[in-house]
Amino acid sequence: MTARDLTRRRLGRRLLAHPLGVNCGAVGLSQGTESETDYGRFLDGLRRAVGLGVNLLVAADSYGACRAESMPGRLLREYPNSGLLVSGEAGRIRGSAQHAYACRHIHHQFQQTQENPCVEELDLYVLDSGT
């Protein structure tokens, strides 16, 4: 990649995102068995990515039993005026809903994604088709 390839891209009317985002799901790959050291290393990696210009953080409640969703909130508090964008995701976990995209289910998932990282709004919301 060249430096030109790494210029921010427009997502919709207001959002400018670095072409590389960070999926915060890696913190939960071991299904809750990761240690505080692992969590700290992952957070250090996120800080490095932000330092290099990455500004899109992707989280979902299906990542690491909600633990991954705390990452964007923590970075937003550490870098309050950095232009970080938070993306949420729903559809991977059906739970007791009739299907993963049931209206009430999606609404609940959306609320959880806002509450877990402690953000008032999400910049982007994705419906995961991997179910």
N, C-alpha and C. Protein backbone atom coordinates (compact mmCIF):
# COMPACT_ATOMS: atom_id res chain seq x y z
N MET A 1 0.84 -1.18 0.00
CA MET A 1 0.00 0.00 0.00
C MET A 1 0.88 1.24 0.00
N THR A 2 0.41 2.24 -0.64
CA THR A 2 1.11 3.51 -0.65
C THR A 2 0.43 4.46 0.33
N ALA A 3 1.09 5.56 0.62
CA ALA A 3 0.50 6.56 1.52
C ALA A 3 -0.83 7.06 0.96
N ARG A 4 -0.94 7.17 -0.34
CA ARG A 4 -2.19 7.63 -0.96
C ARG A 4 -3.33 6.64 -0.70
N ASP A 5 -3.02 5.36 -0.65
CA ASP A 5 -4.03 4.34 -0.38
C ASP A 5 -4.59 4.46 1.04
N LEU A 6 -3.87 5.12 1.93
CA LEU A 6 -4.27 5.20 3.32
C LEU A 6 -4.98 6.50 3.70
N THR A 7 -5.40 7.27 2.71
CA THR A 7 -6.15 8.48 3.01
C THR A 7 -7.55 8.10 3.46
N ARG A 8 -8.12 8.92 4.30
CA ARG A 8 -9.46 8.64 4.82
C ARG A 8 -10.50 8.65 3.70
N ARG A 9 -11.49 7.81 3.87
CA ARG A 9 -12.56 7.65 2.88
C ARG A 9 -13.87 8.12 3.48
N ARG A 10 -14.71 8.62 2.63
CA ARG A 10 -16.01 9.11 3.07
C ARG A 10 -17.00 7.94 3.17
N LEU A 11 -17.63 7.84 4.33
CA LEU A 11 -18.71 6.88 4.55
C LEU A 11 -19.98 7.69 4.77
N GLY A 12 -20.82 7.77 3.79
CA GLY A 12 -22.00 8.61 3.91
C GLY A 12 -21.62 10.07 3.79
N ARG A 13 -22.43 10.93 4.37
CA ARG A 13 -22.21 12.37 4.24
C ARG A 13 -21.20 12.93 5.24
N ARG A 14 -21.20 12.41 6.47
CA ARG A 14 -20.41 13.04 7.52
C ARG A 14 -19.18 12.28 7.97
N LEU A 15 -19.10 11.02 7.69
CA LEU A 15 -18.06 10.20 8.28
C LEU A 15 -16.85 10.04 7.37
N LEU A 16 -15.69 10.29 7.93
CA LEU A 16 -14.43 10.03 7.24
C LEU A 16 -13.69 8.95 8.00
N ALA A 17 -13.41 7.85 7.32
CA ALA A 17 -12.77 6.72 7.99
C ALA A 17 -11.47 6.33 7.30
N HIS A 18 -10.51 5.98 8.11
CA HIS A 18 -9.27 5.41 7.61
C HIS A 18 -9.65 4.11 6.89
N PRO A 19 -9.00 3.75 5.80
CA PRO A 19 -9.40 2.53 5.07
C PRO A 19 -9.17 1.24 5.86
N LEU A 20 -8.39 1.31 6.92
CA LEU A 20 -8.20 0.15 7.78
C LEU A 20 -8.89 0.41 9.11
N GLY A 21 -9.79 -0.47 9.49
CA GLY A 21 -10.45 -0.37 10.78
C GLY A 21 -9.96 -1.51 11.66
N VAL A 22 -10.37 -1.49 12.90
CA VAL A 22 -9.97 -2.54 13.84
C VAL A 22 -11.22 -3.25 14.34
N ASN A 23 -11.24 -4.56 14.17
CA ASN A 23 -12.30 -5.39 14.68
C ASN A 23 -11.92 -5.77 16.11
N CYS A 24 -12.67 -5.32 17.07
CA CYS A 24 -12.34 -5.56 18.48
C CYS A 24 -12.68 -6.98 18.92
N GLY A 25 -13.14 -7.82 18.02
CA GLY A 25 -13.51 -9.18 18.36
C GLY A 25 -12.37 -10.07 18.78
N ALA A 26 -11.15 -9.74 18.43
CA ALA A 26 -10.02 -10.60 18.76
C ALA A 26 -9.86 -10.78 20.27
N VAL A 27 -10.29 -9.81 21.05
CA VAL A 27 -10.16 -9.93 22.50
C VAL A 27 -11.02 -11.07 23.04
N GLY A 28 -12.04 -11.46 22.30
CA GLY A 28 -12.92 -12.50 22.79
C GLY A 28 -12.79 -13.82 22.09
N LEU A 29 -11.74 -14.03 21.33
CA LEU A 29 -11.62 -15.27 20.58
C LEU A 29 -11.54 -16.51 21.46
N SER A 30 -11.02 -16.35 22.65
CA SER A 30 -10.88 -17.52 23.52
C SER A 30 -12.09 -17.70 24.45
N GLN A 31 -13.18 -17.04 24.14
CA GLN A 31 -14.44 -17.18 24.88
C GLN A 31 -14.29 -16.93 26.37
N GLY A 32 -13.68 -15.81 26.71
CA GLY A 32 -13.61 -15.40 28.10
C GLY A 32 -12.46 -15.98 28.90
N THR A 33 -11.58 -16.73 28.27
CA THR A 33 -10.46 -17.32 29.01
C THR A 33 -9.20 -16.46 28.94
N GLU A 34 -9.27 -15.32 28.23
CA GLU A 34 -8.07 -14.49 28.14
C GLU A 34 -7.78 -13.83 29.49
N SER A 35 -6.52 -13.55 29.72
CA SER A 35 -6.10 -12.97 30.98
C SER A 35 -6.10 -11.45 30.87
N GLU A 36 -5.88 -10.80 32.01
CA GLU A 36 -5.76 -9.34 32.02
C GLU A 36 -4.57 -8.90 31.17
N THR A 37 -3.52 -9.73 31.13
CA THR A 37 -2.35 -9.42 30.29
C THR A 37 -2.76 -9.41 28.83
N ASP A 38 -3.54 -10.40 28.41
CA ASP A 38 -4.01 -10.45 27.02
C ASP A 38 -4.86 -9.23 26.71
N TYR A 39 -5.74 -8.88 27.62
CA TYR A 39 -6.61 -7.72 27.46
C TYR A 39 -5.76 -6.45 27.33
N GLY A 40 -4.74 -6.33 28.18
CA GLY A 40 -3.84 -5.17 28.13
C GLY A 40 -3.07 -5.11 26.83
N ARG A 41 -2.61 -6.25 26.34
CA ARG A 41 -1.89 -6.28 25.05
C ARG A 41 -2.81 -5.85 23.92
N PHE A 42 -4.03 -6.35 23.94
CA PHE A 42 -4.97 -5.97 22.89
C PHE A 42 -5.25 -4.47 22.94
N LEU A 43 -5.43 -3.94 24.13
CA LEU A 43 -5.67 -2.51 24.28
C LEU A 43 -4.46 -1.71 23.80
N ASP A 44 -3.25 -2.18 24.10
CA ASP A 44 -2.03 -1.51 23.61
C ASP A 44 -1.99 -1.53 22.08
N GLY A 45 -2.42 -2.65 21.48
CA GLY A 45 -2.48 -2.73 20.02
C GLY A 45 -3.47 -1.74 19.44
N LEU A 46 -4.62 -1.59 20.11
CA LEU A 46 -5.61 -0.60 19.65
C LEU A 46 -5.05 0.81 19.75
N ARG A 47 -4.36 1.09 20.83
CA ARG A 47 -3.76 2.42 20.99
C ARG A 47 -2.74 2.69 19.88
N ARG A 48 -1.97 1.68 19.55
CA ARG A 48 -0.98 1.84 18.46
C ARG A 48 -1.69 2.09 17.13
N ALA A 49 -2.75 1.35 16.87
CA ALA A 49 -3.50 1.55 15.63
C ALA A 49 -4.06 2.96 15.56
N VAL A 50 -4.62 3.45 16.67
CA VAL A 50 -5.15 4.82 16.70
C VAL A 50 -4.02 5.82 16.48
N GLY A 51 -2.87 5.57 17.08
CA GLY A 51 -1.71 6.44 16.88
C GLY A 51 -1.25 6.50 15.43
N LEU A 52 -1.50 5.42 14.69
CA LEU A 52 -1.12 5.37 13.28
C LEU A 52 -2.22 5.88 12.35
N GLY A 53 -3.34 6.34 12.94
CA GLY A 53 -4.38 6.95 12.13
C GLY A 53 -5.68 6.18 12.00
N VAL A 54 -5.72 4.94 12.46
CA VAL A 54 -6.96 4.17 12.38
C VAL A 54 -8.01 4.85 13.25
N ASN A 55 -9.21 5.02 12.72
CA ASN A 55 -10.24 5.68 13.51
C ASN A 55 -11.58 4.93 13.52
N LEU A 56 -11.65 3.75 12.92
CA LEU A 56 -12.89 2.98 12.91
C LEU A 56 -12.71 1.74 13.77
N LEU A 57 -13.51 1.66 14.83
CA LEU A 57 -13.46 0.53 15.77
C LEU A 57 -14.77 -0.23 15.65
N VAL A 58 -14.68 -1.53 15.40
CA VAL A 58 -15.86 -2.36 15.20
C VAL A 58 -16.04 -3.26 16.41
N ALA A 59 -17.23 -3.22 17.00
CA ALA A 59 -17.52 -4.06 18.16
C ALA A 59 -18.90 -4.69 18.00
N ALA A 60 -19.11 -5.78 18.68
CA ALA A 60 -20.42 -6.43 18.70
C ALA A 60 -20.55 -7.19 20.00
N ASP A 61 -21.78 -7.38 20.45
CA ASP A 61 -21.96 -8.08 21.71
C ASP A 61 -21.63 -9.56 21.59
N SER A 62 -21.47 -10.05 20.38
CA SER A 62 -21.09 -11.46 20.21
C SER A 62 -19.58 -11.66 20.36
N TYR A 63 -18.83 -10.59 20.51
CA TYR A 63 -17.39 -10.69 20.65
C TYR A 63 -17.01 -10.78 22.13
N GLY A 64 -16.46 -11.88 22.54
CA GLY A 64 -15.91 -12.02 23.89
C GLY A 64 -16.87 -11.76 25.01
N ALA A 65 -18.11 -12.24 24.87
CA ALA A 65 -19.13 -12.07 25.92
C ALA A 65 -19.23 -10.60 26.33
N CYS A 66 -19.30 -9.72 25.39
CA CYS A 66 -19.46 -8.27 25.56
C CYS A 66 -18.19 -7.56 26.00
N ARG A 67 -17.16 -8.28 26.35
CA ARG A 67 -15.93 -7.64 26.83
C ARG A 67 -15.29 -6.78 25.74
N ALA A 68 -15.38 -7.24 24.48
CA ALA A 68 -14.78 -6.48 23.38
C ALA A 68 -15.46 -5.14 23.19
N GLU A 69 -16.73 -5.04 23.56
CA GLU A 69 -17.43 -3.77 23.37
C GLU A 69 -16.97 -2.69 24.33
N SER A 70 -16.26 -3.04 25.36
CA SER A 70 -15.74 -2.02 26.27
C SER A 70 -14.54 -1.30 25.69
N MET A 71 -13.87 -1.93 24.71
CA MET A 71 -12.66 -1.36 24.12
C MET A 71 -12.90 0.01 23.48
N PRO A 72 -13.89 0.15 22.58
CA PRO A 72 -14.09 1.47 21.97
C PRO A 72 -14.40 2.54 23.00
N GLY A 73 -15.21 2.21 24.01
CA GLY A 73 -15.53 3.19 25.04
C GLY A 73 -14.30 3.66 25.79
N ARG A 74 -13.43 2.72 26.08
CA ARG A 74 -12.20 3.08 26.78
C ARG A 74 -11.32 3.99 25.93
N LEU A 75 -11.20 3.66 24.64
CA LEU A 75 -10.39 4.50 23.75
C LEU A 75 -11.02 5.88 23.54
N LEU A 76 -12.34 5.93 23.47
CA LEU A 76 -13.02 7.23 23.33
C LEU A 76 -12.72 8.12 24.53
N ARG A 77 -12.65 7.53 25.71
CA ARG A 77 -12.32 8.32 26.90
C ARG A 77 -10.85 8.75 26.89
N GLU A 78 -9.97 7.89 26.38
CA GLU A 78 -8.54 8.22 26.33
C GLU A 78 -8.21 9.23 25.25
N TYR A 79 -8.95 9.19 24.14
CA TYR A 79 -8.72 10.08 22.99
C TYR A 79 -10.02 10.82 22.67
N PRO A 80 -10.44 11.76 23.53
CA PRO A 80 -11.77 12.35 23.40
C PRO A 80 -12.01 13.16 22.12
N ASN A 81 -11.01 13.74 21.54
CA ASN A 81 -11.21 14.58 20.35
C ASN A 81 -10.48 14.03 19.13
N SER A 82 -10.35 12.72 19.05
CA SER A 82 -9.56 12.11 17.99
C SER A 82 -10.36 11.75 16.75
N GLY A 83 -11.67 11.91 16.79
CA GLY A 83 -12.48 11.56 15.63
C GLY A 83 -12.70 10.06 15.48
N LEU A 84 -12.59 9.31 16.59
CA LEU A 84 -12.82 7.87 16.53
C LEU A 84 -14.28 7.58 16.17
N LEU A 85 -14.48 6.60 15.31
CA LEU A 85 -15.80 6.17 14.91
C LEU A 85 -16.05 4.79 15.52
N VAL A 86 -17.26 4.57 16.01
CA VAL A 86 -17.60 3.28 16.60
C VAL A 86 -18.70 2.64 15.77
N SER A 87 -18.42 1.42 15.37
CA SER A 87 -19.38 0.64 14.59
C SER A 87 -19.87 -0.53 15.42
N GLY A 88 -21.16 -0.78 15.35
CA GLY A 88 -21.74 -1.92 16.04
C GLY A 88 -22.19 -2.95 15.02
N GLU A 89 -22.51 -4.13 15.53
CA GLU A 89 -22.89 -5.23 14.64
C GLU A 89 -23.95 -6.08 15.34
N ALA A 90 -24.92 -6.53 14.59
CA ALA A 90 -25.95 -7.42 15.13
C ALA A 90 -26.27 -8.49 14.11
N GLY A 91 -26.87 -9.56 14.59
CA GLY A 91 -27.32 -10.62 13.69
C GLY A 91 -26.60 -11.93 13.87
N ARG A 92 -25.48 -11.94 14.55
CA ARG A 92 -24.74 -13.18 14.75
C ARG A 92 -25.39 -14.04 15.84
N ILE A 93 -25.95 -13.39 16.86
CA ILE A 93 -26.59 -14.11 17.95
C ILE A 93 -28.11 -13.96 17.82
N ARG A 94 -28.79 -15.06 17.73
CA ARG A 94 -30.25 -15.03 17.61
C ARG A 94 -30.90 -14.99 18.98
N GLY A 95 -30.31 -15.63 19.96
CA GLY A 95 -30.91 -15.68 21.29
C GLY A 95 -32.26 -16.36 21.23
N SER A 96 -33.24 -15.82 21.94
CA SER A 96 -34.57 -16.42 21.96
C SER A 96 -35.49 -15.83 20.89
N ALA A 97 -34.97 -14.93 20.07
CA ALA A 97 -35.79 -14.31 19.01
C ALA A 97 -36.10 -15.34 17.93
N GLN A 98 -37.18 -15.08 17.20
CA GLN A 98 -37.59 -15.97 16.11
C GLN A 98 -36.49 -16.10 15.07
N HIS A 99 -35.83 -15.00 14.77
CA HIS A 99 -34.68 -15.01 13.87
C HIS A 99 -33.76 -13.85 14.26
N ALA A 100 -32.55 -13.87 13.78
CA ALA A 100 -31.53 -12.90 14.20
C ALA A 100 -31.88 -11.46 13.86
N TYR A 101 -32.74 -11.25 12.86
CA TYR A 101 -33.10 -9.88 12.47
C TYR A 101 -34.49 -9.47 12.94
N ALA A 102 -35.05 -10.16 13.92
CA ALA A 102 -36.35 -9.77 14.47
C ALA A 102 -36.24 -8.35 15.02
N CYS A 103 -37.26 -7.55 14.80
CA CYS A 103 -37.23 -6.12 15.14
C CYS A 103 -36.83 -5.87 16.60
N ARG A 104 -37.50 -6.51 17.53
CA ARG A 104 -37.18 -6.30 18.95
C ARG A 104 -35.76 -6.77 19.28
N HIS A 105 -35.36 -7.85 18.65
CA HIS A 105 -34.02 -8.38 18.88
C HIS A 105 -32.96 -7.37 18.41
N ILE A 106 -33.13 -6.87 17.20
CA ILE A 106 -32.17 -5.89 16.66
C ILE A 106 -32.13 -4.64 17.54
N HIS A 107 -33.31 -4.19 17.98
CA HIS A 107 -33.38 -3.02 18.85
C HIS A 107 -32.62 -3.28 20.16
N HIS A 108 -32.82 -4.45 20.75
CA HIS A 108 -32.12 -4.81 21.98
C HIS A 108 -30.61 -4.89 21.74
N GLN A 109 -30.19 -5.52 20.65
CA GLN A 109 -28.76 -5.62 20.34
C GLN A 109 -28.15 -4.23 20.17
N PHE A 110 -28.88 -3.35 19.51
CA PHE A 110 -28.41 -1.98 19.29
C PHE A 110 -28.21 -1.28 20.64
N GLN A 111 -29.19 -1.41 21.53
CA GLN A 111 -29.08 -0.78 22.85
C GLN A 111 -27.89 -1.34 23.62
N GLN A 112 -27.69 -2.65 23.57
CA GLN A 112 -26.56 -3.26 24.26
C GLN A 112 -25.24 -2.75 23.71
N THR A 113 -25.17 -2.59 22.40
CA THR A 113 -23.94 -2.11 21.78
C THR A 113 -23.65 -0.67 22.17
N GLN A 114 -24.69 0.11 22.43
CA GLN A 114 -24.48 1.47 22.93
C GLN A 114 -24.07 1.47 24.39
N GLU A 115 -24.69 0.62 25.19
CA GLU A 115 -24.43 0.61 26.63
C GLU A 115 -23.06 0.03 26.97
N ASN A 116 -22.66 -1.04 26.33
CA ASN A 116 -21.40 -1.69 26.69
C ASN A 116 -20.18 -0.80 26.50
N PRO A 117 -20.04 -0.08 25.37
CA PRO A 117 -18.88 0.82 25.28
C PRO A 117 -19.17 2.20 25.86
N CYS A 118 -20.37 2.39 26.40
CA CYS A 118 -20.76 3.68 26.98
C CYS A 118 -20.70 4.80 25.96
N VAL A 119 -21.35 4.61 24.83
CA VAL A 119 -21.43 5.66 23.82
C VAL A 119 -22.88 6.06 23.64
N GLU A 120 -23.12 7.33 23.32
CA GLU A 120 -24.48 7.81 23.13
C GLU A 120 -24.98 7.52 21.73
N GLU A 121 -24.06 7.38 20.80
CA GLU A 121 -24.48 7.06 19.44
C GLU A 121 -23.43 6.20 18.77
N LEU A 122 -23.90 5.42 17.82
CA LEU A 122 -23.00 4.62 17.00
C LEU A 122 -22.88 5.29 15.65
N ASP A 123 -21.71 5.29 15.09
CA ASP A 123 -21.48 5.94 13.81
C ASP A 123 -21.91 5.04 12.65
N LEU A 124 -21.87 3.76 12.87
CA LEU A 124 -22.18 2.80 11.80
C LEU A 124 -22.75 1.56 12.47
N TYR A 125 -23.76 0.95 11.85
CA TYR A 125 -24.34 -0.27 12.41
C TYR A 125 -24.48 -1.27 11.26
N VAL A 126 -23.99 -2.48 11.49
CA VAL A 126 -23.93 -3.50 10.45
C VAL A 126 -24.76 -4.70 10.84
N LEU A 127 -25.52 -5.23 9.89
CA LEU A 127 -26.24 -6.48 10.11
C LEU A 127 -25.36 -7.60 9.58
N ASP A 128 -24.93 -8.46 10.47
CA ASP A 128 -24.04 -9.57 10.14
C ASP A 128 -24.84 -10.68 9.47
N SER A 129 -24.37 -11.13 8.34
CA SER A 129 -25.09 -12.19 7.62
C SER A 129 -24.44 -13.55 7.85
N GLY A 130 -23.56 -13.66 8.83
CA GLY A 130 -22.85 -14.90 9.07
C GLY A 130 -23.59 -15.89 9.94
N THR A 131 -24.89 -15.73 10.12
CA THR A 131 -25.62 -16.66 10.98
C THR A 131 -26.06 -17.88 10.24
